[in-house]
Amino acid sequence: MTNQLNKNSSIPLYQQLGELIKDQIATGKLKESDRLMPEIDLSKAYDVSRITVRKAIDLLVEEDILIKCQGVGTFIAGMKLKRVINTFNGFTDLCEKDGIKASTELLKADLIDATANDIQKLELNDVEKVIRIIRLRKCDGIPVMIEENIFSTKYAYLLAEDLASSIYEVLRKHNSVPTQAVKTIDICYANEDEAKYLDVAFNSALLLQKDIIYDKDKVPLHLCKTKTNPARYKMTVLCS
């Protein structure tokens, strides 16, 4: 491959590289299940840092265009059946309905740069930071899922709250009522930290769910990504 990135462009290099990989998939140069060249080789081929390459890959993984397999490499994702599940419930609400005690361990709460995915799905300005809240959710004391929530800085008041309690209760007190979600369901594989927190074997399969949560006015409220131990979780989908 030759260097086709414009270092004088206002478009970040990682986004340019991501678009270039998409073009190669669209034109058939890269096909389903093909292995992407290693990061170090991509870095040399396009004369960019490995950090830039990693950000491009992470962006395409987030968009379900690439799949990372721990210890094996990064591959072109295949076509997937996409289903919209038209139901909405928070974790705490679900546990209460089943008579289960929900508990939460806060792992991280901070401000980070918004990704292209965040900007698009939360309808943000392209220079904004976002709030990231990562929590370990438990049922009757047993770890079930790792949950990452992304909010715009409009909801900065959350960082002053007890984030080991229900975030949705806090939102409701501020008249931000989550009412519906668009869910995407897939699988992923546990890295070392995820395996430790969820008490599963390294590289074991996890249920990956990505949600866009909307408020009563159908405005994006936040993004939620959960990685769940499937041995501890069962999902029922009602279709009408």
Foldseek 3Di string as FASTA:
>chain_A
DAAPADPPDPDDRLVVVLVVVVVCDVVVVADFFDFDPDLVVVCVRHVHDSVSPVLNLVVCVVVVQWAQQPPPGIGGHDDDDWDWFWDDDDPCRVLVVVVWDKWKDWDDWDKAQDDPVRCVLQVHDNGFIWIWTWMFMDTNNATWKIKIKIFGCVVVVVVVDDPRDDPQVVCVVVVFHWDTKTKGKDKHFADPVRCVSNVHDGGDIWIWMWIFTAGPVRRGGIIMIMTGDVVRDDDDGDDD
